[in-house]
Amino acid sequence: MSLTALTDILSAQAKALEAAYAAAGEGVPNLDAPFHPSAIDSDPAFIQARHIIIAAANQLIQTVRPAPETLQLEACSVHSTSAIGLAEQYHLADVLAEAGPQGLHTRDIASKVGLETQSVERILRFLATRHIFKEVSPNVYVNNRISGLLQKNKPIEELRSQPNSRYAKGPLAAGVSHIADDVFASSPYLGKWLSEPGEWETPFNMSHKTHSKIFPWYGEPGNEWRMHRFASFMQYAGSLFPQDIISNSINGESLPPDSVVVDVGGSLGQATLTMYKAFPNLSYIVQDLPELEQDAKDYWKTHAPSAPVRIMPHNFFDPQPAKNAAVYFFRVVFHDWPDNKVQEIMQRTREAAGPDSKLVALDSLQEHTCRVDANSSSVVVPGAAKKTVPSPLLANLGIGGTSIFGPMDFQMWVLCNGRERTEEDFKRLGAASGWKLESVKLGAPATYTFTPA
């Protein structure tokens, strides 16, 4: 492998990306400017070019950097989580936003947030070295394109005095906090949990000394702010889903009028609302636990009071009460659970399904890093073939292709003993529960369609 092979890929894709921005009448993103979503962010060609650039740049770095240094840096990545968590916890982005474009000295930041000046210097220098925040003169910092997303967009005093509503206007900050808090506390216990199986269901349980699953734990006294934080983050995460992925997943145009679509584990029915807007001639059922029933009813009264939607309390480990539905829809449900539990959910659904029912799941697609023969048994499902990846890049485009779904697999492992899955995993789960995986439609997330076996 030559370095120029990687630089040639970088050069070609960078030119393609610049051309895409120019065609859209936009400039290339500037790290010093605030972040603003672009209209071309969801364009498939744009996404592919961006992923290839990230993959090639990272492979180039890993190639030229001494291997011992790479191992040490990867092991030290724990400090990145710590630093960004501290920046969020002490509202550094909000303090700098209030200071304005001239920035603020670390001693003044420290006095506002209750830390020693040296602590603030170390946090901000560490992050600015990684292009999160910018140092405009010695120890004077401003927000940049990345750090600005940590803002919670409320006055500092309000952030301190009202923790339950702290993240109402800062959903991405909520996600960073969740990862730097709950995930960060649980991850170090993975090795101990693997070597000492039995007492604790997950590394999260072991680290927090609780036998409650994480979501019920959020509802326990003292954790209310965590529940609000997670809800804010999930609202943001849901907004990242291209709406056409949800509506296209059920092939609603091919369903007869009044066909029933069941949104299993659907929370308030946000995904159902998207499907209803695309296919108002269908009937819908939103299922989740009883404690969400009233919130779901209120949600639909606000957003679509006349929609043909039924709110049905249901635990998906119990027998499925909605029989012979056209579609049983699961949006990012399965990754919360280990294989035996997913198999149980799918079996309960199969018992209720009719001969023409489909099970549709939106979940990530974990891909092999090596190249796979298109005719081999691991790539046999229609729609699962990926666009050509230029050599010598990893077949899954490395961190460029896996994005947040790479670390998400470990995140689900430590919090829920869940996992992100490969195509083969879904085929196996389907076969064990009476379903046949008919197609995989690539996307973020991917769409898995099952029919009765």
Protein backbone atom coordinates (compact mmCIF):
# COMPACT_ATOMS: atom_id res chain seq x y z
CA MET A 1 0.00 0.00 0.00
CA SER A 2 1.32 3.46 -0.88
CA LEU A 3 0.65 6.70 0.92
CA THR A 4 -0.18 8.33 -2.39
CA ALA A 5 -3.04 5.86 -2.90
CA LEU A 6 -4.62 7.32 0.24
CA THR A 7 -3.79 10.92 -0.62
CA ASP A 8 -5.20 10.43 -4.13
CA ILE A 9 -8.48 9.23 -2.59
CA LEU A 10 -8.50 12.21 -0.26
CA SER A 11 -7.82 14.64 -3.08
CA ALA A 12 -10.51 13.23 -5.38
CA GLN A 13 -13.19 13.11 -2.70
CA ALA A 14 -12.28 16.55 -1.34
CA LYS A 15 -12.79 17.99 -4.82
CA ALA A 16 -16.13 16.19 -5.09
CA LEU A 17 -17.18 17.59 -1.72
CA GLU A 18 -16.15 21.13 -2.61
CA ALA A 19 -18.09 20.84 -5.87
CA ALA A 20 -21.17 19.67 -3.99
CA TYR A 21 -21.01 22.66 -1.64
CA ALA A 22 -20.46 25.03 -4.56
CA ALA A 23 -23.42 23.57 -6.45
CA ALA A 24 -25.57 24.13 -3.36
CA GLY A 25 -24.35 27.72 -3.09
CA GLU A 26 -22.55 27.03 0.18
CA GLY A 27 -18.99 27.27 1.38
CA VAL A 28 -16.99 24.42 2.86
CA PRO A 29 -17.59 24.22 6.64
CA ASN A 30 -15.35 26.52 8.67
CA LEU A 31 -14.22 25.26 12.07
CA ASP A 32 -14.20 28.83 13.36
CA ALA A 33 -17.84 29.47 12.41
CA PRO A 34 -20.95 28.25 14.24
CA PHE A 35 -22.45 24.97 13.10
CA HIS A 36 -25.45 25.19 10.79
CA PRO A 37 -27.02 22.13 9.13
CA SER A 38 -26.67 22.03 5.37
CA ALA A 39 -29.34 21.11 2.87
CA ILE A 40 -26.92 18.62 1.30
CA ASP A 41 -26.11 16.79 4.54
CA SER A 42 -28.57 14.02 3.68
CA ASP A 43 -27.58 13.64 0.02
CA PRO A 44 -26.31 10.03 -0.46
CA ALA A 45 -23.44 11.04 -2.76
CA PHE A 46 -22.37 13.74 -0.33
CA ILE A 47 -22.52 11.31 2.61
CA GLN A 48 -20.44 8.72 0.75
CA ALA A 49 -17.77 11.28 -0.16
CA ARG A 50 -17.61 12.49 3.43
CA HIS A 51 -17.30 8.94 4.77
CA ILE A 52 -14.51 8.11 2.32
CA ILE A 53 -12.57 11.26 3.27
CA ILE A 54 -12.80 10.40 6.97
CA ALA A 55 -11.81 6.79 6.32
CA ALA A 56 -8.83 7.72 4.14
CA ALA A 57 -7.63 10.46 6.49
CA ASN A 58 -7.79 8.15 9.49
CA GLN A 59 -6.03 5.31 7.65
CA LEU A 60 -3.32 7.74 6.55
CA ILE A 61 -2.82 8.88 10.15
CA GLN A 62 -2.71 5.31 11.44
CA THR A 63 -0.19 4.40 8.73
CA VAL A 64 2.29 7.22 9.30
CA ARG A 65 2.04 7.49 13.07
CA PRO A 66 4.31 5.12 15.02
CA ALA A 67 2.34 2.05 16.08
CA PRO A 68 3.31 2.27 19.79
CA GLU A 69 2.10 5.86 19.85
CA THR A 70 -1.23 4.86 18.30
CA LEU A 71 -1.83 2.17 20.93
CA GLN A 72 -1.05 4.57 23.76
CA LEU A 73 -3.25 7.30 22.30
CA GLU A 74 -6.16 4.91 21.85
CA ALA A 75 -5.80 3.73 25.44
CA CYS A 76 -5.74 7.36 26.56
CA SER A 77 -8.97 8.20 24.71
CA VAL A 78 -10.69 7.79 28.06
CA HIS A 79 -9.40 11.28 28.85
CA SER A 80 -11.25 12.72 25.85
CA THR A 81 -14.52 11.53 27.36
CA SER A 82 -13.52 12.97 30.71
CA ALA A 83 -12.55 16.35 29.26
CA ILE A 84 -15.64 16.82 27.12
CA GLY A 85 -17.78 15.67 30.03
CA LEU A 86 -16.20 18.30 32.27
CA ALA A 87 -16.73 20.99 29.64
CA GLU A 88 -20.41 20.08 29.52
CA GLN A 89 -20.81 19.69 33.29
CA TYR A 90 -19.34 23.13 33.99
CA HIS A 91 -21.19 24.82 31.11
CA LEU A 92 -17.99 26.12 29.49
CA ALA A 93 -19.60 26.56 26.06
CA ASP A 94 -22.44 28.61 27.55
CA VAL A 95 -20.00 30.79 29.48
CA LEU A 96 -18.06 31.49 26.28
CA ALA A 97 -21.27 32.14 24.35
CA GLU A 98 -22.19 34.82 26.88
CA ALA A 99 -18.68 36.30 26.60
CA GLY A 100 -19.04 36.85 22.86
CA PRO A 101 -16.57 36.69 19.94
CA GLN A 102 -13.70 38.32 21.83
CA GLY A 103 -13.48 35.27 24.08
CA LEU A 104 -12.74 34.96 27.77
CA HIS A 105 -9.61 34.32 29.80
CA THR A 106 -9.43 31.07 31.72
CA ARG A 107 -9.20 32.91 35.06
CA ASP A 108 -12.53 34.63 34.32
CA ILE A 109 -14.09 31.39 33.14
CA ALA A 110 -12.88 29.72 36.34
CA SER A 111 -14.47 32.37 38.54
CA LYS A 112 -17.81 31.92 36.78
CA VAL A 113 -17.93 28.13 37.01
CA GLY A 114 -16.31 27.56 40.40
CA LEU A 115 -13.14 25.81 39.27
CA GLU A 116 -9.46 26.62 39.72
CA THR A 117 -7.94 28.49 36.79
CA GLN A 118 -5.43 25.71 36.17
CA SER A 119 -8.25 23.16 35.86
CA VAL A 120 -10.03 25.23 33.24
CA GLU A 121 -6.78 25.75 31.34
CA ARG A 122 -6.10 22.02 31.21
CA ILE A 123 -9.62 21.09 30.11
CA LEU A 124 -9.76 23.71 27.35
CA ARG A 125 -6.21 23.16 26.12
CA PHE A 126 -6.84 19.41 25.85
CA LEU A 127 -10.03 19.96 23.86
CA ALA A 128 -8.73 22.82 21.69
CA THR A 129 -5.84 20.55 20.68
CA ARG A 130 -8.56 18.32 19.24
CA HIS A 131 -10.36 21.23 17.52
CA ILE A 132 -13.06 21.49 20.20
CA PHE A 133 -12.98 25.16 21.35
CA LYS A 134 -10.39 27.60 19.99
CA GLU A 135 -7.61 29.46 21.78
CA VAL A 136 -7.41 32.94 20.20
CA SER A 137 -4.59 34.22 22.43
CA PRO A 138 -2.78 32.64 25.37
CA ASN A 139 -5.46 31.24 27.73
CA VAL A 140 -8.26 33.14 25.97
CA TYR A 141 -10.86 30.86 24.41
CA VAL A 142 -13.93 31.07 22.17
CA ASN A 143 -16.43 28.55 20.92
CA ASN A 144 -16.01 27.04 17.48
CA ARG A 145 -18.14 24.93 15.14
CA ILE A 146 -17.86 21.87 17.40
CA SER A 147 -17.82 23.27 20.93
CA GLY A 148 -20.79 25.52 20.24
CA LEU A 149 -22.97 22.41 20.07
CA LEU A 150 -22.35 21.91 23.80
CA GLN A 151 -24.41 25.00 24.57
CA LYS A 152 -27.61 24.48 26.54
CA ASN A 153 -28.83 27.93 25.52
CA LYS A 154 -29.92 29.07 28.96
CA PRO A 155 -28.47 31.53 31.49
CA ILE A 156 -25.78 29.96 33.66
CA GLU A 157 -27.68 30.55 36.89
CA GLU A 158 -30.74 28.82 35.48
CA LEU A 159 -28.65 25.84 34.43
CA ARG A 160 -27.41 25.51 38.00
CA SER A 161 -30.71 26.05 39.77
CA GLN A 162 -33.02 24.00 37.52
CA PRO A 163 -31.27 20.70 36.72
CA ASN A 164 -34.42 18.90 35.54
CA SER A 165 -34.89 21.36 32.68
CA ARG A 166 -31.20 21.97 32.05
CA TYR A 167 -31.19 20.17 28.70
CA ALA A 168 -34.52 21.33 27.31
CA LYS A 169 -32.72 23.58 24.80
CA GLY A 170 -29.48 21.60 24.57
CA PRO A 171 -30.27 18.08 23.38
CA LEU A 172 -26.80 17.33 22.02
CA ALA A 173 -25.27 18.47 25.31
CA ALA A 174 -27.68 16.01 26.93
CA GLY A 175 -26.24 13.21 24.81
CA VAL A 176 -22.66 14.15 25.65
CA SER A 177 -23.56 14.25 29.33
CA HIS A 178 -25.28 10.85 29.16
CA ILE A 179 -22.20 9.29 27.55
CA ALA A 180 -19.71 11.02 29.86
CA ASP A 181 -21.79 10.06 32.91
CA ASP A 182 -23.77 6.81 32.70
CA VAL A 183 -21.78 5.17 29.90
CA PHE A 184 -18.40 6.37 31.16
CA ALA A 185 -19.12 5.03 34.66
CA SER A 186 -20.20 1.64 33.31
CA SER A 187 -17.59 0.94 30.64
CA PRO A 188 -14.62 0.24 32.97
CA TYR A 189 -16.61 -2.60 34.53
CA LEU A 190 -16.97 -4.55 31.29
CA GLY A 191 -13.89 -6.69 31.91
CA LYS A 192 -14.84 -7.50 35.49
CA TRP A 193 -18.42 -8.25 34.43
CA LEU A 194 -17.22 -10.65 31.73
CA SER A 195 -14.90 -12.46 34.13
CA GLU A 196 -17.41 -12.60 37.01
CA PRO A 197 -20.75 -13.57 35.43
CA GLY A 198 -23.79 -14.16 37.56
CA GLU A 199 -24.81 -11.48 40.03
CA TRP A 200 -25.06 -8.46 37.77
CA GLU A 201 -27.07 -8.35 34.55
CA THR A 202 -24.94 -5.64 32.93
CA PRO A 203 -21.77 -3.62 33.59
CA PHE A 204 -24.12 -0.70 34.34
CA ASN A 205 -25.72 -2.72 37.13
CA MET A 206 -22.32 -3.68 38.51
CA SER A 207 -20.98 -0.12 38.44
CA HIS A 208 -24.07 1.46 40.01
CA LYS A 209 -24.77 -1.41 42.44
CA THR A 210 -28.38 -1.70 41.34
CA HIS A 211 -30.46 -4.58 40.02
CA SER A 212 -32.80 -2.17 38.21
CA LYS A 213 -32.51 -1.90 34.45
CA ILE A 214 -31.27 1.50 33.35
CA PHE A 215 -34.62 2.96 32.26
CA PRO A 216 -36.52 2.05 35.47
CA TRP A 217 -33.47 3.31 37.38
CA TYR A 218 -33.92 6.69 35.73
CA GLY A 219 -37.35 6.82 37.35
CA GLU A 220 -36.05 6.25 40.88
CA PRO A 221 -35.87 9.18 43.35
CA GLY A 222 -32.83 11.35 42.75
CA ASN A 223 -32.48 10.33 39.11
CA GLU A 224 -35.27 12.46 37.70
CA TRP A 225 -32.81 14.83 36.03
CA ARG A 226 -31.23 11.87 34.27
CA MET A 227 -34.62 10.87 32.89
CA HIS A 228 -35.15 14.39 31.54
CA ARG A 229 -31.62 14.42 30.13
CA PHE A 230 -32.12 11.13 28.31
CA ALA A 231 -35.52 12.18 26.96
CA SER A 232 -33.98 15.36 25.55
CA PHE A 233 -31.18 13.37 23.92
CA MET A 234 -33.61 10.87 22.38
CA GLN A 235 -35.65 13.71 20.91
CA TYR A 236 -32.48 14.95 19.22
CA ALA A 237 -31.45 11.45 18.11
CA GLY A 238 -34.88 10.91 16.59
CA SER A 239 -34.57 14.13 14.62
CA LEU A 240 -31.45 12.74 12.91
CA PHE A 241 -33.44 9.96 11.26
CA PRO A 242 -34.25 10.95 7.69
CA GLN A 243 -38.04 10.99 7.74
CA ASP A 244 -38.27 9.15 4.44
CA ILE A 245 -36.46 6.16 5.97
CA ILE A 246 -39.34 5.77 8.41
CA SER A 247 -42.12 6.29 5.89
CA ASN A 248 -40.45 4.23 3.15
CA SER A 249 -39.71 1.33 5.48
CA ILE A 250 -43.28 -0.03 5.47
CA ASN A 251 -43.94 0.28 1.70
CA GLY A 252 -47.25 1.88 2.59
CA GLU A 253 -48.18 2.58 -1.02
CA SER A 254 -48.52 -1.17 -1.59
CA LEU A 255 -50.81 -1.76 1.40
CA PRO A 256 -54.62 -1.81 1.04
CA PRO A 257 -56.54 1.01 2.76
CA ASP A 258 -57.09 0.50 6.49
CA SER A 259 -54.21 -1.97 6.74
CA VAL A 260 -52.94 -2.02 10.32
CA VAL A 261 -49.42 -0.92 11.19
CA VAL A 262 -48.31 -1.63 14.77
CA ASP A 263 -45.51 0.56 16.16
CA VAL A 264 -44.15 -1.81 18.82
CA GLY A 265 -42.25 -0.11 21.63
CA GLY A 266 -43.15 3.11 19.87
CA SER A 267 -43.00 5.50 22.85
CA LEU A 268 -45.43 8.34 22.10
CA GLY A 269 -45.72 7.39 18.44
CA GLN A 270 -43.33 9.86 16.86
CA ALA A 271 -42.44 7.41 14.08
CA THR A 272 -46.11 6.58 13.59
CA LEU A 273 -46.86 10.27 13.04
CA THR A 274 -44.33 10.30 10.20
CA MET A 275 -45.93 7.21 8.66
CA TYR A 276 -49.43 8.65 9.10
CA LYS A 277 -48.49 11.84 7.27
CA ALA A 278 -47.19 9.76 4.37
CA PHE A 279 -50.02 7.20 4.39
CA PRO A 280 -53.14 8.62 6.07
CA ASN A 281 -55.29 5.84 4.57
CA LEU A 282 -53.75 3.23 6.89
CA SER A 283 -54.66 2.43 10.50
CA TYR A 284 -52.10 2.59 13.26
CA ILE A 285 -51.52 1.18 16.74
CA VAL A 286 -48.85 2.61 19.05
CA GLN A 287 -47.70 0.21 21.76
CA ASP A 288 -45.54 0.88 24.79
CA LEU A 289 -45.64 0.44 28.55
CA PRO A 290 -48.75 1.62 30.47
CA GLU A 291 -46.95 4.55 32.11
CA LEU A 292 -46.60 6.20 28.69
CA GLU A 293 -50.25 5.80 27.70
CA GLN A 294 -51.48 9.22 28.79
CA ASP A 295 -48.44 11.02 27.39
CA ALA A 296 -49.03 9.27 24.06
CA LYS A 297 -52.69 10.27 24.01
CA ASP A 298 -51.74 13.87 24.76
CA TYR A 299 -49.12 13.77 21.99
CA TRP A 300 -51.69 12.70 19.41
CA LYS A 301 -54.28 15.21 20.61
CA THR A 302 -51.70 17.88 19.90
CA HIS A 303 -50.28 16.62 16.61
CA ALA A 304 -53.09 14.74 14.85
CA PRO A 305 -56.30 14.54 16.89
CA SER A 306 -58.34 12.97 14.07
CA ALA A 307 -55.75 10.38 13.03
CA PRO A 308 -56.82 6.70 13.01
CA VAL A 309 -54.39 5.84 15.80
CA ARG A 310 -55.01 3.61 18.79
CA ILE A 311 -52.81 3.81 21.89
CA MET A 312 -52.38 0.29 23.27
CA PRO A 313 -50.45 -0.41 26.50
CA HIS A 314 -48.28 -3.45 25.86
CA ASN A 315 -45.07 -5.11 27.04
CA PHE A 316 -43.50 -6.71 23.98
CA PHE A 317 -42.42 -9.76 25.99
CA ASP A 318 -46.09 -10.59 26.53
CA PRO A 319 -48.32 -12.20 23.86
CA GLN A 320 -48.97 -9.67 21.09
CA PRO A 321 -52.66 -8.60 21.26
CA ALA A 322 -52.74 -7.04 17.77
CA LYS A 323 -53.39 -10.01 15.50
CA ASN A 324 -52.77 -10.29 11.75
CA ALA A 325 -51.41 -6.77 11.32
CA ALA A 326 -49.96 -5.85 7.95
CA VAL A 327 -46.77 -4.53 9.55
CA TYR A 328 -45.19 -4.88 12.98
CA PHE A 329 -42.74 -1.99 13.14
CA PHE A 330 -39.75 -1.74 15.52
CA ARG A 331 -37.69 1.45 15.48
CA VAL A 332 -34.30 0.96 17.16
CA VAL A 333 -35.76 -1.44 19.72
CA PHE A 334 -33.71 -4.57 19.22
CA HIS A 335 -30.32 -3.02 20.00
CA ASP A 336 -31.46 -2.50 23.60
CA TRP A 337 -31.62 -6.26 24.20
CA PRO A 338 -29.43 -9.39 24.10
CA ASP A 339 -30.12 -12.03 21.47
CA ASN A 340 -32.30 -14.27 23.64
CA LYS A 341 -34.60 -11.34 24.46
CA VAL A 342 -34.81 -10.18 20.84
CA GLN A 343 -35.68 -13.72 19.83
CA GLU A 344 -38.44 -13.71 22.45
CA ILE A 345 -39.85 -10.41 21.14
CA MET A 346 -39.82 -11.72 17.58
CA GLN A 347 -41.47 -14.98 18.64
CA ARG A 348 -44.31 -13.15 20.42
CA THR A 349 -44.78 -11.11 17.25
CA ARG A 350 -44.70 -14.19 15.00
CA GLU A 351 -47.41 -15.87 17.10
CA ALA A 352 -49.74 -12.93 16.36
CA ALA A 353 -48.75 -12.44 12.71
CA GLY A 354 -50.81 -13.57 9.76
CA PRO A 355 -49.45 -15.24 6.61
CA ASP A 356 -49.02 -11.87 4.87
CA SER A 357 -47.71 -9.92 7.87
CA LYS A 358 -44.28 -8.32 7.82
CA LEU A 359 -41.91 -7.44 10.62
CA VAL A 360 -39.96 -4.28 9.82
CA ALA A 361 -37.06 -3.23 12.03
CA LEU A 362 -34.97 -0.07 11.82
CA ASP A 363 -31.56 -0.77 13.33
CA SER A 364 -27.93 -0.21 12.49
CA LEU A 365 -26.03 -2.55 10.18
CA GLN A 366 -22.67 -3.66 11.53
CA GLU A 367 -20.33 -4.56 8.68
CA HIS A 368 -17.12 -6.56 8.41
CA THR A 369 -13.87 -4.64 8.07
CA CYS A 370 -12.63 -7.16 5.47
CA ARG A 371 -13.90 -7.42 1.93
CA VAL A 372 -16.58 -10.04 1.34
CA ASP A 373 -17.32 -11.85 -1.91
CA ALA A 374 -20.70 -10.66 -3.16
CA ASN A 375 -21.62 -14.27 -3.89
CA SER A 376 -20.66 -15.56 -0.45
CA SER A 377 -23.21 -16.58 2.15
CA SER A 378 -22.70 -13.42 4.17
CA VAL A 379 -24.08 -11.13 1.46
CA VAL A 380 -27.13 -12.85 0.07
CA VAL A 381 -29.96 -10.59 1.17
CA PRO A 382 -31.29 -8.23 -1.54
CA GLY A 383 -30.38 -4.65 -0.77
CA ALA A 384 -27.47 -5.52 1.50
CA ALA A 385 -24.74 -4.93 -1.08
CA LYS A 386 -22.80 -1.77 -0.31
CA LYS A 387 -21.44 0.82 -2.71
CA THR A 388 -17.92 0.12 -3.94
CA VAL A 389 -15.26 1.15 -1.43
CA PRO A 390 -11.96 2.19 -3.02
CA SER A 391 -8.89 0.15 -2.13
CA PRO A 392 -6.98 0.22 0.23
CA LEU A 393 -9.71 1.46 2.59
CA LEU A 394 -11.40 -0.87 5.05
CA ALA A 395 -14.51 -2.44 3.58
CA ASN A 396 -16.75 -0.80 6.19
CA LEU A 397 -14.92 2.54 5.75
CA GLY A 398 -13.56 2.33 9.28
CA ILE A 399 -14.57 5.18 11.54
CA GLY A 400 -15.84 6.99 8.46
CA GLY A 401 -18.47 4.36 7.80
CA THR A 402 -19.36 3.21 11.29
CA SER A 403 -19.69 6.72 12.71
CA ILE A 404 -21.51 6.74 16.06
CA PHE A 405 -22.83 3.20 15.49
CA GLY A 406 -19.34 1.76 16.11
CA PRO A 407 -19.02 2.90 19.73
CA MET A 408 -22.79 2.52 20.09
CA ASP A 409 -22.32 -1.26 20.07
CA PHE A 410 -20.14 -1.04 23.18
CA GLN A 411 -22.50 1.50 24.68
CA MET A 412 -25.45 -0.89 24.40
CA TRP A 413 -23.25 -3.70 25.71
CA VAL A 414 -22.35 -1.92 28.95
CA LEU A 415 -25.76 -0.35 29.61
CA CYS A 416 -28.22 -3.04 28.55
CA ASN A 417 -26.23 -6.09 27.44
CA GLY A 418 -27.68 -5.16 24.06
CA ARG A 419 -25.82 -4.89 20.77
CA GLU A 420 -25.70 -3.54 17.26
CA ARG A 421 -25.96 -6.44 14.79
CA THR A 422 -24.73 -7.71 11.46
CA GLU A 423 -26.92 -8.98 8.65
CA GLU A 424 -25.99 -12.53 9.66
CA ASP A 425 -27.16 -11.83 13.23
CA PHE A 426 -30.58 -10.74 12.01
CA LYS A 427 -30.89 -13.73 9.69
CA ARG A 428 -30.13 -16.06 12.58
CA LEU A 429 -32.59 -14.35 14.94
CA GLY A 430 -35.29 -14.47 12.28
CA ALA A 431 -34.76 -18.15 11.59
CA ALA A 432 -34.92 -18.95 15.31
CA SER A 433 -38.22 -17.11 15.78
CA GLY A 434 -40.21 -18.09 12.70
CA TRP A 435 -39.25 -15.22 10.39
CA LYS A 436 -37.27 -15.02 7.16
CA LEU A 437 -35.11 -11.97 6.47
CA GLU A 438 -36.25 -10.89 3.00
CA SER A 439 -34.36 -7.64 2.49
CA VAL A 440 -31.93 -5.19 4.00
CA LYS A 441 -32.19 -1.61 2.82
CA LEU A 442 -29.08 0.40 3.59
CA GLY A 443 -29.45 3.65 5.46
CA ALA A 444 -28.85 5.29 8.81
CA PRO A 445 -30.39 3.21 10.23
CA ALA A 446 -30.86 0.22 7.93
CA THR A 447 -34.30 -1.28 7.26
CA TYR A 448 -34.73 -5.01 7.87
CA THR A 449 -37.88 -6.61 6.43
CA PHE A 450 -38.97 -10.07 7.59
CA THR A 451 -41.79 -12.30 6.36
CA PRO A 452 -43.21 -15.41 8.05
CA ALA A 453 -40.98 -18.42 7.45
